PDB file of all heavy atoms in Angstrom:
ATOM      1  N   GLY A   1      -2.318  12.016  -6.450  1.00  0.00           N
ATOM      2  CA  GLY A   1      -3.035  10.984  -7.074  1.00  0.00           C
ATOM      3  C   GLY A   1      -4.392  10.758  -6.395  1.00  0.00           C
ATOM      4  O   GLY A   1      -4.976  11.721  -5.952  1.00  0.00           O
ATOM      5  N   VAL A   2      -4.925   9.469  -6.585  1.00  0.00           N
ATOM      6  CA  VAL A   2      -6.184   9.211  -6.153  1.00  0.00           C
ATOM      7  C   VAL A   2      -6.150   7.881  -5.189  1.00  0.00           C
ATOM      8  O   VAL A   2      -5.105   7.191  -5.245  1.00  0.00           O
ATOM      9  CB  VAL A   2      -7.249   8.917  -7.236  1.00  0.00           C
ATOM     10  CG1 VAL A   2      -7.414  10.267  -7.999  1.00  0.00           C
ATOM     11  CG2 VAL A   2      -6.948   7.903  -8.092  1.00  0.00           C
ATOM     12  N   VAL A   3      -7.080   7.590  -4.485  1.00  0.00           N
ATOM     13  CA  VAL A   3      -7.220   6.409  -3.758  1.00  0.00           C
ATOM     14  C   VAL A   3      -7.698   5.385  -4.774  1.00  0.00           C
ATOM     15  O   VAL A   3      -8.848   5.537  -5.351  1.00  0.00           O
ATOM     16  CB  VAL A   3      -8.248   6.445  -2.588  1.00  0.00           C
ATOM     17  CG1 VAL A   3      -8.531   5.115  -2.001  1.00  0.00           C
ATOM     18  CG2 VAL A   3      -7.709   7.485  -1.646  1.00  0.00           C
ATOM     19  N   SER A   4      -6.886   4.352  -5.057  1.00  0.00           N
ATOM     20  CA  SER A   4      -7.218   3.386  -6.053  1.00  0.00           C
ATOM     21  C   SER A   4      -8.025   2.204  -5.462  1.00  0.00           C
ATOM     22  O   SER A   4      -8.758   1.525  -6.250  1.00  0.00           O
ATOM     23  CB  SER A   4      -5.844   2.809  -6.637  1.00  0.00           C
ATOM     24  OG  SER A   4      -5.090   3.867  -7.169  1.00  0.00           O
ATOM     25  N   GLY A   5      -7.994   1.969  -4.155  1.00  0.00           N
ATOM     26  CA  GLY A   5      -8.673   0.861  -3.560  1.00  0.00           C
ATOM     27  C   GLY A   5      -8.490   0.949  -2.096  1.00  0.00           C
ATOM     28  O   GLY A   5      -7.701   1.578  -1.491  1.00  0.00           O
ATOM     29  N   LEU A   6      -9.490   0.154  -1.415  1.00  0.00           N
ATOM     30  CA  LEU A   6      -9.480   0.100   0.014  1.00  0.00           C
ATOM     31  C   LEU A   6      -9.389  -1.316   0.438  1.00  0.00           C
ATOM     32  O   LEU A   6      -9.766  -2.246  -0.250  1.00  0.00           O
ATOM     33  CB  LEU A   6     -10.671   0.845   0.613  1.00  0.00           C
ATOM     34  CG  LEU A   6     -10.832   2.246   0.268  1.00  0.00           C
ATOM     35  CD1 LEU A   6     -12.221   2.843   0.647  1.00  0.00           C
ATOM     36  CD2 LEU A   6      -9.765   3.138   0.934  1.00  0.00           C
ATOM     37  N   GLY A   7      -8.973  -1.575   1.689  1.00  0.00           N
ATOM     38  CA  GLY A   7      -8.993  -2.973   2.309  1.00  0.00           C
ATOM     39  C   GLY A   7      -8.092  -3.900   1.648  1.00  0.00           C
ATOM     40  O   GLY A   7      -8.466  -5.040   1.620  1.00  0.00           O
ATOM     41  N   ARG A   8      -6.931  -3.378   1.015  1.00  0.00           N
ATOM     42  CA  ARG A   8      -5.987  -4.304   0.319  1.00  0.00           C
ATOM     43  C   ARG A   8      -5.187  -4.983   1.418  1.00  0.00           C
ATOM     44  O   ARG A   8      -4.976  -4.542   2.474  1.00  0.00           O
ATOM     45  CB  ARG A   8      -5.066  -3.457  -0.475  1.00  0.00           C
ATOM     46  CG  ARG A   8      -5.794  -2.599  -1.534  1.00  0.00           C
ATOM     47  CD  ARG A   8      -6.744  -3.413  -2.493  1.00  0.00           C
ATOM     48  NE  ARG A   8      -6.961  -2.649  -3.607  1.00  0.00           N
ATOM     49  CZ  ARG A   8      -8.063  -2.951  -4.513  1.00  0.00           C
ATOM     50  NH1 ARG A   8      -8.867  -3.952  -4.197  1.00  0.00           N
ATOM     51  NH2 ARG A   8      -8.217  -2.250  -5.578  1.00  0.00           N
ATOM     52  N   SER A   9      -4.677  -6.158   1.006  1.00  0.00           N
ATOM     53  CA  SER A   9      -3.722  -6.927   1.822  1.00  0.00           C
ATOM     54  C   SER A   9      -2.414  -7.172   1.034  1.00  0.00           C
ATOM     55  O   SER A   9      -2.499  -7.208  -0.273  1.00  0.00           O
ATOM     56  CB  SER A   9      -4.320  -8.294   2.139  1.00  0.00           C
ATOM     57  OG  SER A   9      -5.594  -8.170   2.884  1.00  0.00           O
ATOM     58  N   LEU A  10      -1.383  -7.251   1.809  1.00  0.00           N
ATOM     59  CA  LEU A  10      -0.037  -7.239   1.066  1.00  0.00           C
ATOM     60  C   LEU A  10       0.876  -8.048   1.942  1.00  0.00           C
ATOM     61  O   LEU A  10       1.007  -7.945   3.176  1.00  0.00           O
ATOM     62  CB  LEU A  10       0.548  -5.869   0.869  1.00  0.00           C
ATOM     63  CG  LEU A  10       1.735  -5.735   0.142  1.00  0.00           C
ATOM     64  CD1 LEU A  10       1.701  -6.133  -1.310  1.00  0.00           C
ATOM     65  CD2 LEU A  10       2.449  -4.348   0.225  1.00  0.00           C
ATOM     66  N   GLN A  11       1.569  -9.101   1.307  1.00  0.00           N
ATOM     67  CA  GLN A  11       2.540  -9.952   1.949  1.00  0.00           C
ATOM     68  C   GLN A  11       3.881  -9.271   1.906  1.00  0.00           C
ATOM     69  O   GLN A  11       4.490  -9.059   0.794  1.00  0.00           O
ATOM     70  CB  GLN A  11       2.689 -11.212   1.224  1.00  0.00           C
ATOM     71  CG  GLN A  11       3.726 -12.237   1.921  1.00  0.00           C
ATOM     72  CD  GLN A  11       3.242 -12.787   3.201  1.00  0.00           C
ATOM     73  OE1 GLN A  11       2.116 -13.265   3.334  1.00  0.00           O
ATOM     74  NE2 GLN A  11       4.224 -12.841   4.119  1.00  0.00           N
ATOM     75  N   THR A  12       4.475  -8.888   3.030  1.00  0.00           N
ATOM     76  CA  THR A  12       5.813  -8.257   3.051  1.00  0.00           C
ATOM     77  C   THR A  12       6.701  -9.179   3.997  1.00  0.00           C
ATOM     78  O   THR A  12       6.400  -9.251   5.244  1.00  0.00           O
ATOM     79  CB  THR A  12       5.822  -6.884   3.572  1.00  0.00           C
ATOM     80  OG1 THR A  12       5.236  -6.895   4.938  1.00  0.00           O
ATOM     81  CG2 THR A  12       4.920  -6.005   2.699  1.00  0.00           C
ATOM     82  N   ARG A  13       7.694  -9.707   3.403  1.00  0.00           N
ATOM     83  CA  ARG A  13       8.479 -10.714   4.134  1.00  0.00           C
ATOM     84  C   ARG A  13       7.639 -11.725   4.720  1.00  0.00           C
ATOM     85  O   ARG A  13       7.014 -12.495   4.184  1.00  0.00           O
ATOM     86  CB  ARG A  13       9.476  -9.957   5.073  1.00  0.00           C
ATOM     87  CG  ARG A  13      10.517  -8.977   4.573  1.00  0.00           C
ATOM     88  CD  ARG A  13      11.345  -8.418   5.533  1.00  0.00           C
ATOM     89  NE  ARG A  13      10.563  -7.355   6.377  1.00  0.00           N
ATOM     90  CZ  ARG A  13      11.099  -6.680   7.321  1.00  0.00           C
ATOM     91  NH1 ARG A  13      12.499  -6.832   7.516  1.00  0.00           N
ATOM     92  NH2 ARG A  13      10.534  -5.839   8.004  1.00  0.00           N
ATOM     93  N   ASP A  14       7.729 -11.817   6.226  1.00  0.00           N
ATOM     94  CA  ASP A  14       6.886 -12.807   6.915  1.00  0.00           C
ATOM     95  C   ASP A  14       5.672 -12.389   7.494  1.00  0.00           C
ATOM     96  O   ASP A  14       5.052 -12.970   8.380  1.00  0.00           O
ATOM     97  CB  ASP A  14       7.832 -13.515   7.972  1.00  0.00           C
ATOM     98  CG  ASP A  14       8.281 -12.511   8.975  1.00  0.00           C
ATOM     99  OD1 ASP A  14       8.335 -11.415   8.570  1.00  0.00           O
ATOM    100  OD2 ASP A  14       8.687 -12.912  10.055  1.00  0.00           O
ATOM    101  N   VAL A  15       5.327 -11.081   7.079  1.00  0.00           N
ATOM    102  CA  VAL A  15       4.018 -10.459   7.677  1.00  0.00           C
ATOM    103  C   VAL A  15       3.086 -10.049   6.547  1.00  0.00           C
ATOM    104  O   VAL A  15       3.457  -9.747   5.490  1.00  0.00           O
ATOM    105  CB  VAL A  15       4.487  -9.174   8.468  1.00  0.00           C
ATOM    106  CG1 VAL A  15       3.269  -8.470   9.009  1.00  0.00           C
ATOM    107  CG2 VAL A  15       5.475  -9.575   9.582  1.00  0.00           C
ATOM    108  N   VAL A  16       1.814 -10.372   6.894  1.00  0.00           N
ATOM    109  CA  VAL A  16       0.756  -9.887   6.089  1.00  0.00           C
ATOM    110  C   VAL A  16       0.092  -8.594   6.558  1.00  0.00           C
ATOM    111  O   VAL A  16      -0.458  -8.685   7.643  1.00  0.00           O
ATOM    112  CB  VAL A  16      -0.376 -10.945   5.822  1.00  0.00           C
ATOM    113  CG1 VAL A  16      -1.511 -10.554   5.039  1.00  0.00           C
ATOM    114  CG2 VAL A  16       0.218 -12.288   5.356  1.00  0.00           C
ATOM    115  N   LEU A  17       0.291  -7.511   5.787  1.00  0.00           N
ATOM    116  CA  LEU A  17      -0.322  -6.296   6.228  1.00  0.00           C
ATOM    117  C   LEU A  17      -1.776  -6.220   5.647  1.00  0.00           C
ATOM    118  O   LEU A  17      -2.039  -6.497   4.472  1.00  0.00           O
ATOM    119  CB  LEU A  17       0.478  -5.094   5.675  1.00  0.00           C
ATOM    120  CG  LEU A  17       2.024  -4.995   6.097  1.00  0.00           C
ATOM    121  CD1 LEU A  17       2.553  -3.838   5.476  1.00  0.00           C
ATOM    122  CD2 LEU A  17       2.024  -4.917   7.665  1.00  0.00           C
ATOM    123  N   ASP A  18      -2.598  -5.809   6.522  1.00  0.00           N
ATOM    124  CA  ASP A  18      -4.100  -5.860   6.262  1.00  0.00           C
ATOM    125  C   ASP A  18      -4.698  -4.470   6.191  1.00  0.00           C
ATOM    126  O   ASP A  18      -4.162  -3.581   6.706  1.00  0.00           O
ATOM    127  CB  ASP A  18      -4.782  -6.748   7.180  1.00  0.00           C
ATOM    128  CG  ASP A  18      -6.131  -7.284   6.772  1.00  0.00           C
ATOM    129  OD1 ASP A  18      -6.481  -7.236   5.630  1.00  0.00           O
ATOM    130  OD2 ASP A  18      -7.056  -7.546   7.673  1.00  0.00           O
ATOM    131  N   ASP A  19      -5.848  -4.455   5.520  1.00  0.00           N
ATOM    132  CA  ASP A  19      -6.675  -3.213   5.428  1.00  0.00           C
ATOM    133  C   ASP A  19      -5.918  -1.991   5.001  1.00  0.00           C
ATOM    134  O   ASP A  19      -5.992  -0.827   5.576  1.00  0.00           O
ATOM    135  CB  ASP A  19      -7.243  -2.966   6.868  1.00  0.00           C
ATOM    136  CG  ASP A  19      -8.426  -2.037   6.837  1.00  0.00           C
ATOM    137  OD1 ASP A  19      -9.126  -1.864   5.782  1.00  0.00           O
ATOM    138  OD2 ASP A  19      -8.594  -1.287   7.874  1.00  0.00           O
ATOM    139  N   LEU A  20      -5.115  -2.149   3.849  1.00  0.00           N
ATOM    140  CA  LEU A  20      -4.316  -1.052   3.434  1.00  0.00           C
ATOM    141  C   LEU A  20      -5.120  -0.223   2.439  1.00  0.00           C
ATOM    142  O   LEU A  20      -6.015  -0.676   1.816  1.00  0.00           O
ATOM    143  CB  LEU A  20      -3.082  -1.572   2.718  1.00  0.00           C
ATOM    144  CG  LEU A  20      -2.105  -2.390   3.586  1.00  0.00           C
ATOM    145  CD1 LEU A  20      -0.961  -2.972   2.874  1.00  0.00           C
ATOM    146  CD2 LEU A  20      -1.529  -1.584   4.797  1.00  0.00           C
ATOM    147  N   ILE A  21      -4.741   1.076   2.301  1.00  0.00           N
ATOM    148  CA  ILE A  21      -5.222   2.073   1.287  1.00  0.00           C
ATOM    149  C   ILE A  21      -4.275   1.966   0.052  1.00  0.00           C
ATOM    150  O   ILE A  21      -3.167   2.114   0.147  1.00  0.00           O
ATOM    151  CB  ILE A  21      -5.233   3.481   1.821  1.00  0.00           C
ATOM    152  CG1 ILE A  21      -6.111   3.557   3.123  1.00  0.00           C
ATOM    153  CG2 ILE A  21      -5.712   4.390   0.742  1.00  0.00           C
ATOM    154  CD1 ILE A  21      -6.114   4.914   3.725  1.00  0.00           C
ATOM    155  N   GLN A  22      -4.872   1.649  -1.051  1.00  0.00           N
ATOM    156  CA  GLN A  22      -3.932   1.641  -2.335  1.00  0.00           C
ATOM    157  C   GLN A  22      -4.193   2.995  -3.093  1.00  0.00           C
ATOM    158  O   GLN A  22      -5.302   3.522  -3.076  1.00  0.00           O
ATOM    159  CB  GLN A  22      -4.517   0.548  -3.243  1.00  0.00           C
ATOM    160  CG  GLN A  22      -3.725   0.377  -4.495  1.00  0.00           C
ATOM    161  CD  GLN A  22      -4.329  -0.514  -5.503  1.00  0.00           C
ATOM    162  OE1 GLN A  22      -5.061  -1.486  -5.173  1.00  0.00           O
ATOM    163  NE2 GLN A  22      -3.967  -0.401  -6.711  1.00  0.00           N
ATOM    164  N   THR A  23      -3.013   3.531  -3.479  1.00  0.00           N
ATOM    165  CA  THR A  23      -3.031   4.870  -4.157  1.00  0.00           C
ATOM    166  C   THR A  23      -2.155   4.814  -5.340  1.00  0.00           C
ATOM    167  O   THR A  23      -1.101   3.940  -5.443  1.00  0.00           O
ATOM    168  CB  THR A  23      -2.615   5.872  -3.243  1.00  0.00           C
ATOM    169  OG1 THR A  23      -2.598   7.132  -3.888  1.00  0.00           O
ATOM    170  CG2 THR A  23      -1.151   5.697  -2.708  1.00  0.00           C
ATOM    171  N   ASP A  24      -2.388   5.652  -6.335  1.00  0.00           N
ATOM    172  CA  ASP A  24      -1.402   5.804  -7.513  1.00  0.00           C
ATOM    173  C   ASP A  24      -0.649   7.024  -7.400  1.00  0.00           C
ATOM    174  O   ASP A  24       0.138   7.349  -8.306  1.00  0.00           O
ATOM    175  CB  ASP A  24      -2.255   5.794  -8.869  1.00  0.00           C
ATOM    176  CG  ASP A  24      -3.086   7.096  -8.989  1.00  0.00           C
ATOM    177  OD1 ASP A  24      -3.233   7.801  -8.029  1.00  0.00           O
ATOM    178  OD2 ASP A  24      -3.524   7.316 -10.131  1.00  0.00           O
ATOM    179  N   ALA A  25      -0.670   7.789  -6.163  1.00  0.00           N
ATOM    180  CA  ALA A  25       0.241   8.913  -5.980  1.00  0.00           C
ATOM    181  C   ALA A  25       1.575   8.284  -5.982  1.00  0.00           C
ATOM    182  O   ALA A  25       1.915   7.202  -5.309  1.00  0.00           O
ATOM    183  CB  ALA A  25      -0.114   9.590  -4.677  1.00  0.00           C
ATOM    184  N   THR A  26       2.549   8.918  -6.743  1.00  0.00           N
ATOM    185  CA  THR A  26       3.912   8.388  -6.849  1.00  0.00           C
ATOM    186  C   THR A  26       4.583   8.198  -5.509  1.00  0.00           C
ATOM    187  O   THR A  26       4.653   9.213  -4.760  1.00  0.00           O
ATOM    188  CB  THR A  26       4.716   9.201  -7.774  1.00  0.00           C
ATOM    189  OG1 THR A  26       4.047   9.331  -9.017  1.00  0.00           O
ATOM    190  CG2 THR A  26       6.067   8.699  -7.959  1.00  0.00           C
ATOM    191  N   ILE A  27       4.980   7.070  -5.102  1.00  0.00           N
ATOM    192  CA  ILE A  27       5.731   6.750  -3.961  1.00  0.00           C
ATOM    193  C   ILE A  27       7.010   6.036  -4.262  1.00  0.00           C
ATOM    194  O   ILE A  27       6.996   5.112  -4.938  1.00  0.00           O
ATOM    195  CB  ILE A  27       4.913   5.947  -2.904  1.00  0.00           C
ATOM    196  CG1 ILE A  27       3.582   6.608  -2.554  1.00  0.00           C
ATOM    197  CG2 ILE A  27       5.706   5.518  -1.728  1.00  0.00           C
ATOM    198  CD1 ILE A  27       2.685   5.792  -1.741  1.00  0.00           C
ATOM    199  N   ASN A  28       8.185   6.704  -3.886  1.00  0.00           N
ATOM    200  CA  ASN A  28       9.448   6.087  -4.222  1.00  0.00           C
ATOM    201  C   ASN A  28      10.195   5.617  -2.909  1.00  0.00           C
ATOM    202  O   ASN A  28       9.725   5.821  -1.836  1.00  0.00           O
ATOM    203  CB  ASN A  28      10.389   7.111  -4.926  1.00  0.00           C
ATOM    204  CG  ASN A  28       9.753   7.509  -6.276  1.00  0.00           C
ATOM    205  OD1 ASN A  28       9.813   6.637  -7.133  1.00  0.00           O
ATOM    206  ND2 ASN A  28       9.138   8.619  -6.344  1.00  0.00           N
ATOM    207  N   ARG A  29      11.316   4.985  -3.168  1.00  0.00           N
ATOM    208  CA  ARG A  29      12.148   4.584  -2.005  1.00  0.00           C
ATOM    209  C   ARG A  29      12.532   5.904  -1.237  1.00  0.00           C
ATOM    210  O   ARG A  29      12.851   6.855  -1.790  1.00  0.00           O
ATOM    211  CB  ARG A  29      13.471   3.892  -2.504  1.00  0.00           C
ATOM    212  CG  ARG A  29      14.380   3.529  -1.390  1.00  0.00           C
ATOM    213  CD  ARG A  29      15.652   2.894  -2.071  1.00  0.00           C
ATOM    214  NE  ARG A  29      16.240   3.544  -3.043  1.00  0.00           N
ATOM    215  CZ  ARG A  29      17.167   4.632  -2.811  1.00  0.00           C
ATOM    216  NH1 ARG A  29      17.430   4.876  -1.571  1.00  0.00           N
ATOM    217  NH2 ARG A  29      17.747   5.169  -3.798  1.00  0.00           N
ATOM    218  N   GLY A  30      12.332   5.836   0.063  1.00  0.00           N
ATOM    219  CA  GLY A  30      12.540   7.011   0.896  1.00  0.00           C
ATOM    220  C   GLY A  30      11.328   7.578   1.387  1.00  0.00           C
ATOM    221  O   GLY A  30      11.260   8.340   2.380  1.00  0.00           O
ATOM    222  N   ASN A  31      10.112   7.269   0.691  1.00  0.00           N
ATOM    223  CA  ASN A  31       8.835   7.890   1.162  1.00  0.00           C
ATOM    224  C   ASN A  31       8.167   7.009   2.184  1.00  0.00           C
ATOM    225  O   ASN A  31       7.179   7.448   2.729  1.00  0.00           O
ATOM    226  CB  ASN A  31       7.848   7.842  -0.154  1.00  0.00           C
ATOM    227  CG  ASN A  31       8.024   8.933  -1.071  1.00  0.00           C
ATOM    228  OD1 ASN A  31       8.649   8.859  -2.215  1.00  0.00           O
ATOM    229  ND2 ASN A  31       7.636  10.164  -0.644  1.00  0.00           N
ATOM    230  N   SER A  32       8.852   5.867   2.481  1.00  0.00           N
ATOM    231  CA  SER A  32       8.202   4.977   3.577  1.00  0.00           C
ATOM    232  C   SER A  32       8.160   5.840   4.870  1.00  0.00           C
ATOM    233  O   SER A  32       9.110   6.341   5.277  1.00  0.00           O
ATOM    234  CB  SER A  32       8.972   3.689   3.699  1.00  0.00           C
ATOM    235  OG  SER A  32       8.962   2.839   2.610  1.00  0.00           O
TER     236      SER A  32
END
């Protein structure tokens, strides 16, 4: 895929993950 965006933030449970790379490369359960 490609890099869709940079510097993204995401709320996961009680934590905010910061400065993430966003991509449209297919990511499924187990790819973590």
